[in-house]
Amino acid sequence: MKPTSRHTDEEWVLPSSEALLAGTLALMTGCAQHSGPHAQRELMAGKVVANLTELARHPDLSPTLRQLLSRLSERWLMELRSDAPASPWVVSMPAPSTVQ
């Protein structure tokens, strides 16, 4: 990755799939660290689900990664639907050997 020379050191030129994945990881981190109103966390989690769903359909990603992203999307959606304010938003990942 190469930073652009226009703005800051944190601006990067990424392919669309990688940019969407980076933004999704940032949202997931925000959900995990969020201590504000539950409604804001729900909005972020909803965007995580939307992003993961889109990534799971992205043709530039491998079938294995798309399957993993689809499963993550389903888990985040179940968490979102559970409507449990005290529930942690950290999604446990399967061991690498179990992803097929």
PDB file of N, CA and C in Angstrom:
ATOM      1  N   MET A   1       0.837  -1.172   0.000  1.00  0.00           N
ATOM      2  CA  MET A   1       0.000   0.000   0.000  1.00  0.00           C
ATOM      3  C   MET A   1       0.885   1.239   0.000  1.00  0.00           C
ATOM      4  N   LYS A   2       0.429   2.234  -0.658  1.00  0.00           N
ATOM      5  CA  LYS A   2       1.199   3.453  -0.773  1.00  0.00           C
ATOM      6  C   LYS A   2       0.344   4.639  -0.340  1.00  0.00           C
ATOM      7  N   PRO A   3       0.860   5.433   0.619  1.00  0.00           N
ATOM      8  CA  PRO A   3       0.064   6.605   1.009  1.00  0.00           C
ATOM      9  C   PRO A   3      -0.004   7.608  -0.131  1.00  0.00           C
ATOM     10  N   THR A   4      -1.108   8.312  -0.201  1.00  0.00           N
ATOM     11  CA  THR A   4      -1.227   9.366  -1.209  1.00  0.00           C
ATOM     12  C   THR A   4      -0.487  10.595  -0.713  1.00  0.00           C
ATOM     13  N   SER A   5      -0.147  11.468  -1.609  1.00  0.00           N
ATOM     14  CA  SER A   5       0.605  12.664  -1.224  1.00  0.00           C
ATOM     15  C   SER A   5      -0.302  13.860  -0.980  1.00  0.00           C
ATOM     16  N   ARG A   6      -1.628  13.697  -1.139  1.00  0.00           N
ATOM     17  CA  ARG A   6      -2.544  14.827  -1.039  1.00  0.00           C
ATOM     18  C   ARG A   6      -2.862  15.244   0.387  1.00  0.00           C
ATOM     19  N   HIS A   7      -3.119  14.320   1.278  1.00  0.00           N
ATOM     20  CA  HIS A   7      -3.670  14.703   2.579  1.00  0.00           C
ATOM     21  C   HIS A   7      -2.781  14.274   3.735  1.00  0.00           C
ATOM     22  N   THR A   8      -3.073  13.148   4.334  1.00  0.00           N
ATOM     23  CA  THR A   8      -2.352  12.725   5.526  1.00  0.00           C
ATOM     24  C   THR A   8      -1.676  11.385   5.285  1.00  0.00           C
ATOM     25  N   ASP A   9      -0.868  11.001   6.235  1.00  0.00           N
ATOM     26  CA  ASP A   9      -0.190   9.708   6.154  1.00  0.00           C
ATOM     27  C   ASP A   9      -1.170   8.548   6.292  1.00  0.00           C
ATOM     28  N   GLU A  10      -2.378   8.821   6.789  1.00  0.00           N
ATOM     29  CA  GLU A  10      -3.355   7.759   6.982  1.00  0.00           C
ATOM     30  C   GLU A  10      -4.269   7.550   5.776  1.00  0.00           C
ATOM     31  N   GLU A  11      -4.068   8.273   4.713  1.00  0.00           N
ATOM     32  CA  GLU A  11      -4.879   8.095   3.516  1.00  0.00           C
ATOM     33  C   GLU A  11      -4.150   7.127   2.590  1.00  0.00           C
ATOM     34  N   TRP A  12      -4.835   6.060   2.208  1.00  0.00           N
ATOM     35  CA  TRP A  12      -4.221   5.006   1.407  1.00  0.00           C
ATOM     36  C   TRP A  12      -5.042   4.754   0.157  1.00  0.00           C
ATOM     37  N   VAL A  13      -4.358   4.303  -0.884  1.00  0.00           N
ATOM     38  CA  VAL A  13      -5.028   3.899  -2.106  1.00  0.00           C
ATOM     39  C   VAL A  13      -5.191   2.386  -2.032  1.00  0.00           C
ATOM     40  N   LEU A  14      -6.438   1.943  -1.956  1.00  0.00           N
ATOM     41  CA  LEU A  14      -6.739   0.517  -1.826  1.00  0.00           C
ATOM     42  C   LEU A  14      -7.731   0.099  -2.891  1.00  0.00           C
ATOM     43  N   PRO A  15      -7.659  -1.166  -3.324  1.00  0.00           N
ATOM     44  CA  PRO A  15      -8.733  -1.682  -4.170  1.00  0.00           C
ATOM     45  C   PRO A  15     -10.054  -1.616  -3.390  1.00  0.00           C
ATOM     46  N   SER A  16     -11.171  -1.546  -4.084  1.00  0.00           N
ATOM     47  CA  SER A  16     -12.466  -1.366  -3.412  1.00  0.00           C
ATOM     48  C   SER A  16     -12.749  -2.443  -2.374  1.00  0.00           C
ATOM     49  N   SER A  17     -12.416  -3.688  -2.665  1.00  0.00           N
ATOM     50  CA  SER A  17     -12.695  -4.756  -1.699  1.00  0.00           C
ATOM     51  C   SER A  17     -11.869  -4.573  -0.426  1.00  0.00           C
ATOM     52  N   GLU A  18     -10.623  -4.160  -0.578  1.00  0.00           N
ATOM     53  CA  GLU A  18      -9.773  -3.953   0.591  1.00  0.00           C
ATOM     54  C   GLU A  18     -10.198  -2.718   1.377  1.00  0.00           C
ATOM     55  N   ALA A  19     -10.625  -1.682   0.682  1.00  0.00           N
ATOM     56  CA  ALA A  19     -11.108  -0.482   1.362  1.00  0.00           C
ATOM     57  C   ALA A  19     -12.361  -0.802   2.168  1.00  0.00           C
ATOM     58  N   LEU A  20     -13.260  -1.589   1.582  1.00  0.00           N
ATOM     59  CA  LEU A  20     -14.478  -1.973   2.293  1.00  0.00           C
ATOM     60  C   LEU A  20     -14.139  -2.847   3.497  1.00  0.00           C
ATOM     61  N   LEU A  21     -13.196  -3.758   3.337  1.00  0.00           N
ATOM     62  CA  LEU A  21     -12.779  -4.603   4.450  1.00  0.00           C
ATOM     63  C   LEU A  21     -12.135  -3.774   5.556  1.00  0.00           C
ATOM     64  N   ALA A  22     -11.285  -2.811   5.193  1.00  0.00           N
ATOM     65  CA  ALA A  22     -10.644  -1.953   6.192  1.00  0.00           C
ATOM     66  C   ALA A  22     -11.684  -1.141   6.956  1.00  0.00           C
ATOM     67  N   GLY A  23     -12.647  -0.585   6.237  1.00  0.00           N
ATOM     68  CA  GLY A  23     -13.710   0.177   6.899  1.00  0.00           C
ATOM     69  C   GLY A  23     -14.544  -0.692   7.818  1.00  0.00           C
ATOM     70  N   THR A  24     -14.787  -1.927   7.396  1.00  0.00           N
ATOM     71  CA  THR A  24     -15.572  -2.858   8.209  1.00  0.00           C
ATOM     72  C   THR A  24     -14.821  -3.222   9.490  1.00  0.00           C
ATOM     73  N   LEU A  25     -13.531  -3.451   9.376  1.00  0.00           N
ATOM     74  CA  LEU A  25     -12.731  -3.747  10.570  1.00  0.00           C
ATOM     75  C   LEU A  25     -12.728  -2.564  11.528  1.00  0.00           C
ATOM     76  N   ALA A  26     -12.676  -1.362  10.993  1.00  0.00           N
ATOM     77  CA  ALA A  26     -12.735  -0.170  11.845  1.00  0.00           C
ATOM     78  C   ALA A  26     -14.089  -0.083  12.554  1.00  0.00           C
ATOM     79  N   LEU A  27     -15.174  -0.381  11.840  1.00  0.00           N
ATOM     80  CA  LEU A  27     -16.503  -0.389  12.465  1.00  0.00           C
ATOM     81  C   LEU A  27     -16.601  -1.466  13.545  1.00  0.00           C
ATOM     82  N   MET A  28     -16.039  -2.634  13.277  1.00  0.00           N
ATOM     83  CA  MET A  28     -16.069  -3.716  14.269  1.00  0.00           C
ATOM     84  C   MET A  28     -15.317  -3.291  15.536  1.00  0.00           C
ATOM     85  N   THR A  29     -14.194  -2.630  15.348  1.00  0.00           N
ATOM     86  CA  THR A  29     -13.431  -2.128  16.491  1.00  0.00           C
ATOM     87  C   THR A  29     -14.245  -1.091  17.254  1.00  0.00           C
ATOM     88  N   GLY A  30     -14.918  -0.215  16.508  1.00  0.00           N
ATOM     89  CA  GLY A  30     -15.774   0.785  17.144  1.00  0.00           C
ATOM     90  C   GLY A  30     -16.887   0.154  17.961  1.00  0.00           C
ATOM     91  N   CYS A  31     -17.485  -0.906  17.441  1.00  0.00           N
ATOM     92  CA  CYS A  31     -18.544  -1.609  18.174  1.00  0.00           C
ATOM     93  C   CYS A  31     -17.991  -2.236  19.449  1.00  0.00           C
ATOM     94  N   ALA A  32     -16.828  -2.847  19.339  1.00  0.00           N
ATOM     95  CA  ALA A  32     -16.230  -3.511  20.496  1.00  0.00           C
ATOM     96  C   ALA A  32     -15.846  -2.523  21.592  1.00  0.00           C
ATOM     97  N   GLN A  33     -15.449  -1.318  21.206  1.00  0.00           N
ATOM     98  CA  GLN A  33     -14.985  -0.328  22.173  1.00  0.00           C
ATOM     99  C   GLN A  33     -16.060   0.673  22.570  1.00  0.00           C
ATOM    100  N   HIS A  34     -17.227   0.602  21.974  1.00  0.00           N
ATOM    101  CA  HIS A  34     -18.268   1.602  22.174  1.00  0.00           C
ATOM    102  C   HIS A  34     -18.844   1.535  23.586  1.00  0.00           C
ATOM    103  N   SER A  35     -18.932   2.692  24.226  1.00  0.00           N
ATOM    104  CA  SER A  35     -19.518   2.736  25.565  1.00  0.00           C
ATOM    105  C   SER A  35     -20.677   3.727  25.622  1.00  0.00           C
ATOM    106  N   GLY A  36     -21.082   4.241  24.480  1.00  0.00           N
ATOM    107  CA  GLY A  36     -22.158   5.219  24.427  1.00  0.00           C
ATOM    108  C   GLY A  36     -23.524   4.572  24.319  1.00  0.00           C
ATOM    109  N   PRO A  37     -24.494   5.333  23.827  1.00  0.00           N
ATOM    110  CA  PRO A  37     -25.863   4.823  23.715  1.00  0.00           C
ATOM    111  C   PRO A  37     -25.949   3.570  22.846  1.00  0.00           C
ATOM    112  N   HIS A  38     -26.801   2.651  23.268  1.00  0.00           N
ATOM    113  CA  HIS A  38     -26.989   1.383  22.557  1.00  0.00           C
ATOM    114  C   HIS A  38     -27.425   1.614  21.113  1.00  0.00           C
ATOM    115  N   ALA A  39     -28.214   2.635  20.858  1.00  0.00           N
ATOM    116  CA  ALA A  39     -28.713   2.895  19.505  1.00  0.00           C
ATOM    117  C   ALA A  39     -27.558   3.166  18.538  1.00  0.00           C
ATOM    118  N   GLN A  40     -26.521   3.852  18.999  1.00  0.00           N
ATOM    119  CA  GLN A  40     -25.374   4.113  18.137  1.00  0.00           C
ATOM    120  C   GLN A  40     -24.639   2.822  17.812  1.00  0.00           C
ATOM    121  N   ARG A  41     -24.506   1.961  18.803  1.00  0.00           N
ATOM    122  CA  ARG A  41     -23.857   0.668  18.576  1.00  0.00           C
ATOM    123  C   ARG A  41     -24.662  -0.159  17.581  1.00  0.00           C
ATOM    124  N   GLU A  42     -25.979  -0.103  17.691  1.00  0.00           N
ATOM    125  CA  GLU A  42     -26.830  -0.838  16.754  1.00  0.00           C
ATOM    126  C   GLU A  42     -26.630  -0.339  15.327  1.00  0.00           C
ATOM    127  N   LEU A  43     -26.511   0.969  15.149  1.00  0.00           N
ATOM    128  CA  LEU A  43     -26.282   1.524  13.814  1.00  0.00           C
ATOM    129  C   LEU A  43     -24.948   1.044  13.249  1.00  0.00           C
ATOM    130  N   MET A  44     -23.915   1.059  14.074  1.00  0.00           N
ATOM    131  CA  MET A  44     -22.612   0.582  13.614  1.00  0.00           C
ATOM    132  C   MET A  44     -22.662  -0.904  13.278  1.00  0.00           C
ATOM    133  N   ALA A  45     -23.313  -1.690  14.127  1.00  0.00           N
ATOM    134  CA  ALA A  45     -23.413  -3.130  13.878  1.00  0.00           C
ATOM    135  C   ALA A  45     -24.216  -3.409  12.612  1.00  0.00           C
ATOM    136  N   GLY A  46     -25.238  -2.623  12.370  1.00  0.00           N
ATOM    137  CA  GLY A  46     -26.010  -2.778  11.138  1.00  0.00           C
ATOM    138  C   GLY A  46     -25.156  -2.520   9.913  1.00  0.00           C
ATOM    139  N   LYS A  47     -24.274  -1.529   9.991  1.00  0.00           N
ATOM    140  CA  LYS A  47     -23.372  -1.241   8.876  1.00  0.00           C
ATOM    141  C   LYS A  47     -22.344  -2.355   8.727  1.00  0.00           C
ATOM    142  N   VAL A  48     -21.895  -2.933   9.839  1.00  0.00           N
ATOM    143  CA  VAL A  48     -20.975  -4.075   9.780  1.00  0.00           C
ATOM    144  C   VAL A  48     -21.639  -5.219   9.010  1.00  0.00           C
ATOM    145  N   VAL A  49     -22.892  -5.515   9.340  1.00  0.00           N
ATOM    146  CA  VAL A  49     -23.623  -6.591   8.654  1.00  0.00           C
ATOM    147  C   VAL A  49     -23.727  -6.289   7.159  1.00  0.00           C
ATOM    148  N   ALA A  50     -24.082  -5.056   6.817  1.00  0.00           N
ATOM    149  CA  ALA A  50     -24.209  -4.683   5.404  1.00  0.00           C
ATOM    150  C   ALA A  50     -22.875  -4.822   4.677  1.00  0.00           C
ATOM    151  N   ASN A  51     -21.805  -4.365   5.299  1.00  0.00           N
ATOM    152  CA  ASN A  51     -20.482  -4.452   4.669  1.00  0.00           C
ATOM    153  C   ASN A  51     -20.033  -5.893   4.510  1.00  0.00           C
ATOM    154  N   LEU A  52     -20.212  -6.710   5.560  1.00  0.00           N
ATOM    155  CA  LEU A  52     -19.817  -8.112   5.470  1.00  0.00           C
ATOM    156  C   LEU A  52     -20.614  -8.845   4.398  1.00  0.00           C
ATOM    157  N   THR A  53     -21.895  -8.519   4.289  1.00  0.00           N
ATOM    158  CA  THR A  53     -22.742  -9.138   3.264  1.00  0.00           C
ATOM    159  C   THR A  53     -22.247  -8.765   1.873  1.00  0.00           C
ATOM    160  N   GLU A  54     -21.914  -7.496   1.685  1.00  0.00           N
ATOM    161  CA  GLU A  54     -21.400  -7.056   0.387  1.00  0.00           C
ATOM    162  C   GLU A  54     -20.062  -7.714   0.075  1.00  0.00           C
ATOM    163  N   LEU A  55     -19.187  -7.784   1.065  1.00  0.00           N
ATOM    164  CA  LEU A  55     -17.892  -8.433   0.857  1.00  0.00           C
ATOM    165  C   LEU A  55     -18.051  -9.919   0.542  1.00  0.00           C
ATOM    166  N   ALA A  56     -19.030 -10.569   1.161  1.00  0.00           N
ATOM    167  CA  ALA A  56     -19.258 -11.997   0.921  1.00  0.00           C
ATOM    168  C   ALA A  56     -19.680 -12.269  -0.520  1.00  0.00           C
ATOM    169  N   ARG A  57     -20.118 -11.244  -1.216  1.00  0.00           N
ATOM    170  CA  ARG A  57     -20.532 -11.379  -2.619  1.00  0.00           C
ATOM    171  C   ARG A  57     -19.499 -10.806  -3.588  1.00  0.00           C
ATOM    172  N   HIS A  58     -18.402 -10.282  -3.072  1.00  0.00           N
ATOM    173  CA  HIS A  58     -17.436  -9.583  -3.918  1.00  0.00           C
ATOM    174  C   HIS A  58     -16.657 -10.578  -4.788  1.00  0.00           C
ATOM    175  N   PRO A  59     -16.682 -10.397  -6.104  1.00  0.00           N
ATOM    176  CA  PRO A  59     -16.048 -11.363  -7.010  1.00  0.00           C
ATOM    177  C   PRO A  59     -14.518 -11.386  -6.943  1.00  0.00           C
ATOM    178  N   ASP A  60     -13.897 -10.351  -6.396  1.00  0.00           N
ATOM    179  CA  ASP A  60     -12.432 -10.323  -6.325  1.00  0.00           C
ATOM    180  C   ASP A  60     -11.875 -11.124  -5.157  1.00  0.00           C
ATOM    181  N   LEU A  61     -12.740 -11.565  -4.256  1.00  0.00           N
ATOM    182  CA  LEU A  61     -12.283 -12.315  -3.086  1.00  0.00           C
ATOM    183  C   LEU A  61     -12.401 -13.811  -3.350  1.00  0.00           C
ATOM    184  N   SER A  62     -11.575 -14.573  -2.678  1.00  0.00           N
ATOM    185  CA  SER A  62     -11.588 -16.021  -2.863  1.00  0.00           C
ATOM    186  C   SER A  62     -12.887 -16.613  -2.312  1.00  0.00           C
ATOM    187  N   PRO A  63     -13.302 -17.751  -2.824  1.00  0.00           N
ATOM    188  CA  PRO A  63     -14.511 -18.398  -2.305  1.00  0.00           C
ATOM    189  C   PRO A  63     -14.422 -18.690  -0.801  1.00  0.00           C
ATOM    190  N   THR A  64     -13.245 -19.058  -0.338  1.00  0.00           N
ATOM    191  CA  THR A  64     -13.071 -19.346   1.091  1.00  0.00           C
ATOM    192  C   THR A  64     -13.289 -18.102   1.936  1.00  0.00           C
ATOM    193  N   LEU A  65     -12.708 -16.983   1.517  1.00  0.00           N
ATOM    194  CA  LEU A  65     -12.891 -15.735   2.258  1.00  0.00           C
ATOM    195  C   LEU A  65     -14.341 -15.270   2.182  1.00  0.00           C
ATOM    196  N   ARG A  66     -14.968 -15.414   1.031  1.00  0.00           N
ATOM    197  CA  ARG A  66     -16.378 -15.023   0.903  1.00  0.00           C
ATOM    198  C   ARG A  66     -17.257 -15.854   1.834  1.00  0.00           C
ATOM    199  N   GLN A  67     -16.969 -17.133   1.967  1.00  0.00           N
ATOM    200  CA  GLN A  67     -17.739 -17.988   2.870  1.00  0.00           C
ATOM    201  C   GLN A  67     -17.545 -17.549   4.324  1.00  0.00           C
ATOM    202  N   LEU A  68     -16.312 -17.252   4.701  1.00  0.00           N
ATOM    203  CA  LEU A  68     -16.034 -16.788   6.060  1.00  0.00           C
ATOM    204  C   LEU A  68     -16.758 -15.478   6.334  1.00  0.00           C
ATOM    205  N   LEU A  69     -16.732 -14.559   5.387  1.00  0.00           N
ATOM    206  CA  LEU A  69     -17.403 -13.267   5.553  1.00  0.00           C
ATOM    207  C   LEU A  69     -18.911 -13.434   5.640  1.00  0.00           C
ATOM    208  N   SER A  70     -19.457 -14.373   4.892  1.00  0.00           N
ATOM    209  CA  SER A  70     -20.892 -14.656   4.969  1.00  0.00           C
ATOM    210  C   SER A  70     -21.277 -15.164   6.353  1.00  0.00           C
ATOM    211  N   ARG A  71     -20.462 -16.048   6.888  1.00  0.00           N
ATOM    212  CA  ARG A  71     -20.729 -16.567   8.241  1.00  0.00           C
ATOM    213  C   ARG A  71     -20.622 -15.457   9.284  1.00  0.00           C
ATOM    214  N   LEU A  72     -19.618 -14.604   9.136  1.00  0.00           N
ATOM    215  CA  LEU A  72     -19.486 -13.477  10.064  1.00  0.00           C
ATOM    216  C   LEU A  72     -20.696 -12.559   9.982  1.00  0.00           C
ATOM    217  N   SER A  73     -21.165 -12.306   8.781  1.00  0.00           N
ATOM    218  CA  SER A  73     -22.346 -11.466   8.596  1.00  0.00           C
ATOM    219  C   SER A  73     -23.542 -12.062   9.326  1.00  0.00           C
ATOM    220  N   GLU A  74     -23.731 -13.367   9.198  1.00  0.00           N
ATOM    221  CA  GLU A  74     -24.842 -14.039   9.886  1.00  0.00           C
ATOM    222  C   GLU A  74     -24.714 -13.923  11.398  1.00  0.00           C
ATOM    223  N   ARG A  75     -23.505 -14.061  11.920  1.00  0.00           N
ATOM    224  CA  ARG A  75     -23.294 -13.966  13.370  1.00  0.00           C
ATOM    225  C   ARG A  75     -23.559 -12.549  13.878  1.00  0.00           C
ATOM    226  N   TRP A  76     -23.097 -11.557  13.133  1.00  0.00           N
ATOM    227  CA  TRP A  76     -23.350 -10.168  13.533  1.00  0.00           C
ATOM    228  C   TRP A  76     -24.837  -9.854  13.436  1.00  0.00           C
ATOM    229  N   LEU A  77     -25.507 -10.410  12.449  1.00  0.00           N
ATOM    230  CA  LEU A  77     -26.943 -10.180  12.316  1.00  0.00           C
ATOM    231  C   LEU A  77     -27.697 -10.813  13.487  1.00  0.00           C
ATOM    232  N   MET A  78     -27.300 -12.014  13.893  1.00  0.00           N
ATOM    233  CA  MET A  78     -27.936 -12.648  15.060  1.00  0.00           C
ATOM    234  C   MET A  78     -27.718 -11.803  16.305  1.00  0.00           C
ATOM    235  N   GLU A  79     -26.527 -11.263  16.464  1.00  0.00           N
ATOM    236  CA  GLU A  79     -26.220 -10.410  17.619  1.00  0.00           C
ATOM    237  C   GLU A  79     -27.063  -9.141  17.576  1.00  0.00           C
ATOM    238  N   LEU A  80     -27.189  -8.577  16.407  1.00  0.00           N
ATOM    239  CA  LEU A  80     -27.981  -7.360  16.241  1.00  0.00           C
ATOM    240  C   LEU A  80     -29.445  -7.621  16.571  1.00  0.00           C
ATOM    241  N   ARG A  81     -29.962  -8.752  16.137  1.00  0.00           N
ATOM    242  CA  ARG A  81     -31.364  -9.100  16.390  1.00  0.00           C
ATOM    243  C   ARG A  81     -31.633  -9.498  17.826  1.00  0.00           C
ATOM    244  N   SER A  82     -30.586  -9.901  18.551  1.00  0.00           N
ATOM    245  CA  SER A  82     -30.788 -10.328  19.935  1.00  0.00           C
ATOM    246  C   SER A  82     -31.192  -9.162  20.827  1.00  0.00           C
ATOM    247  N   ASP A  83     -30.817  -7.930  20.397  1.00  0.00           N
ATOM    248  CA  ASP A  83     -31.198  -6.714  21.117  1.00  0.00           C
ATOM    249  C   ASP A  83     -30.826  -6.777  22.589  1.00  0.00           C
ATOM    250  N   ALA A  84     -29.633  -7.269  22.853  1.00  0.00           N
ATOM    251  CA  ALA A  84     -29.151  -7.367  24.221  1.00  0.00           C
ATOM    252  C   ALA A  84     -28.101  -6.292  24.461  1.00  0.00           C
ATOM    253  N   PRO A  85     -28.461  -5.177  25.097  1.00  0.00           N
ATOM    254  CA  PRO A  85     -27.535  -4.064  25.275  1.00  0.00           C
ATOM    255  C   PRO A  85     -26.230  -4.424  25.974  1.00  0.00           C
ATOM    256  N   ALA A  86     -26.261  -5.352  26.915  1.00  0.00           N
ATOM    257  CA  ALA A  86     -25.047  -5.691  27.652  1.00  0.00           C
ATOM    258  C   ALA A  86     -24.196  -6.722  26.924  1.00  0.00           C
ATOM    259  N   SER A  87     -24.677  -7.219  25.825  1.00  0.00           N
ATOM    260  CA  SER A  87     -23.983  -8.262  25.083  1.00  0.00           C
ATOM    261  C   SER A  87     -22.712  -7.736  24.430  1.00  0.00           C
ATOM    262  N   PRO A  88     -21.603  -8.489  24.505  1.00  0.00           N
ATOM    263  CA  PRO A  88     -20.384  -8.032  23.829  1.00  0.00           C
ATOM    264  C   PRO A  88     -20.530  -8.167  22.318  1.00  0.00           C
ATOM    265  N   TRP A  89     -19.870  -7.294  21.579  1.00  0.00           N
ATOM    266  CA  TRP A  89     -19.957  -7.309  20.119  1.00  0.00           C
ATOM    267  C   TRP A  89     -18.753  -7.986  19.489  1.00  0.00           C
ATOM    268  N   VAL A  90     -17.994  -8.684  20.275  1.00  0.00           N
ATOM    269  CA  VAL A  90     -16.839  -9.379  19.734  1.00  0.00           C
ATOM    270  C   VAL A  90     -17.306 -10.700  19.160  1.00  0.00           C
ATOM    271  N   VAL A  91     -16.950 -10.958  17.919  1.00  0.00           N
ATOM    272  CA  VAL A  91     -17.346 -12.187  17.240  1.00  0.00           C
ATOM    273  C   VAL A  91     -16.172 -13.141  17.287  1.00  0.00           C
ATOM    274  N   SER A  92     -16.389 -14.337  17.842  1.00  0.00           N
ATOM    275  CA  SER A  92     -15.295 -15.313  17.879  1.00  0.00           C
ATOM    276  C   SER A  92     -15.144 -15.947  16.519  1.00  0.00           C
ATOM    277  N   MET A  93     -13.920 -16.033  16.088  1.00  0.00           N
ATOM    278  CA  MET A  93     -13.612 -16.595  14.768  1.00  0.00           C
ATOM    279  C   MET A  93     -13.332 -18.081  14.904  1.00  0.00           C
ATOM    280  N   PRO A  94     -13.715 -18.861  13.894  1.00  0.00           N
ATOM    281  CA  PRO A  94     -13.361 -20.280  13.926  1.00  0.00           C
ATOM    282  C   PRO A  94     -11.854 -20.437  13.753  1.00  0.00           C
ATOM    283  N   ALA A  95     -11.339 -21.533  14.225  1.00  0.00           N
ATOM    284  CA  ALA A  95      -9.924 -21.811  14.038  1.00  0.00           C
ATOM    285  C   ALA A  95      -9.631 -21.896  12.545  1.00  0.00           C
ATOM    286  N   PRO A  96      -8.443 -21.462  12.105  1.00  0.00           N
ATOM    287  CA  PRO A  96      -8.138 -21.456  10.666  1.00  0.00           C
ATOM    288  C   PRO A  96      -8.337 -22.811  10.001  1.00  0.00           C
ATOM    289  N   SER A  97      -8.109 -23.893  10.716  1.00  0.00           N
ATOM    290  CA  SER A  97      -8.245 -25.214  10.095  1.00  0.00           C
ATOM    291  C   SER A  97      -9.704 -25.595   9.829  1.00  0.00           C
ATOM    292  N   THR A  98     -10.657 -24.886  10.458  1.00  0.00           N
ATOM    293  CA  THR A  98     -12.075 -25.247  10.268  1.00  0.00           C
ATOM    294  C   THR A  98     -12.719 -24.496   9.128  1.00  0.00           C
ATOM    295  N   VAL A  99     -12.060 -23.478   8.578  1.00  0.00           N
ATOM    296  CA  VAL A  99     -12.632 -22.706   7.478  1.00  0.00           C
ATOM    297  C   VAL A  99     -12.445 -23.482   6.183  1.00  0.00           C
ATOM    298  N   GLN A 100     -13.544 -23.712   5.480  1.00  0.00           N
ATOM    299  CA  GLN A 100     -13.450 -24.483   4.233  1.00  0.00           C
ATOM    300  C   GLN A 100     -14.106 -23.753   3.110  1.00  0.00           C
TER     301      GLN A 100
END
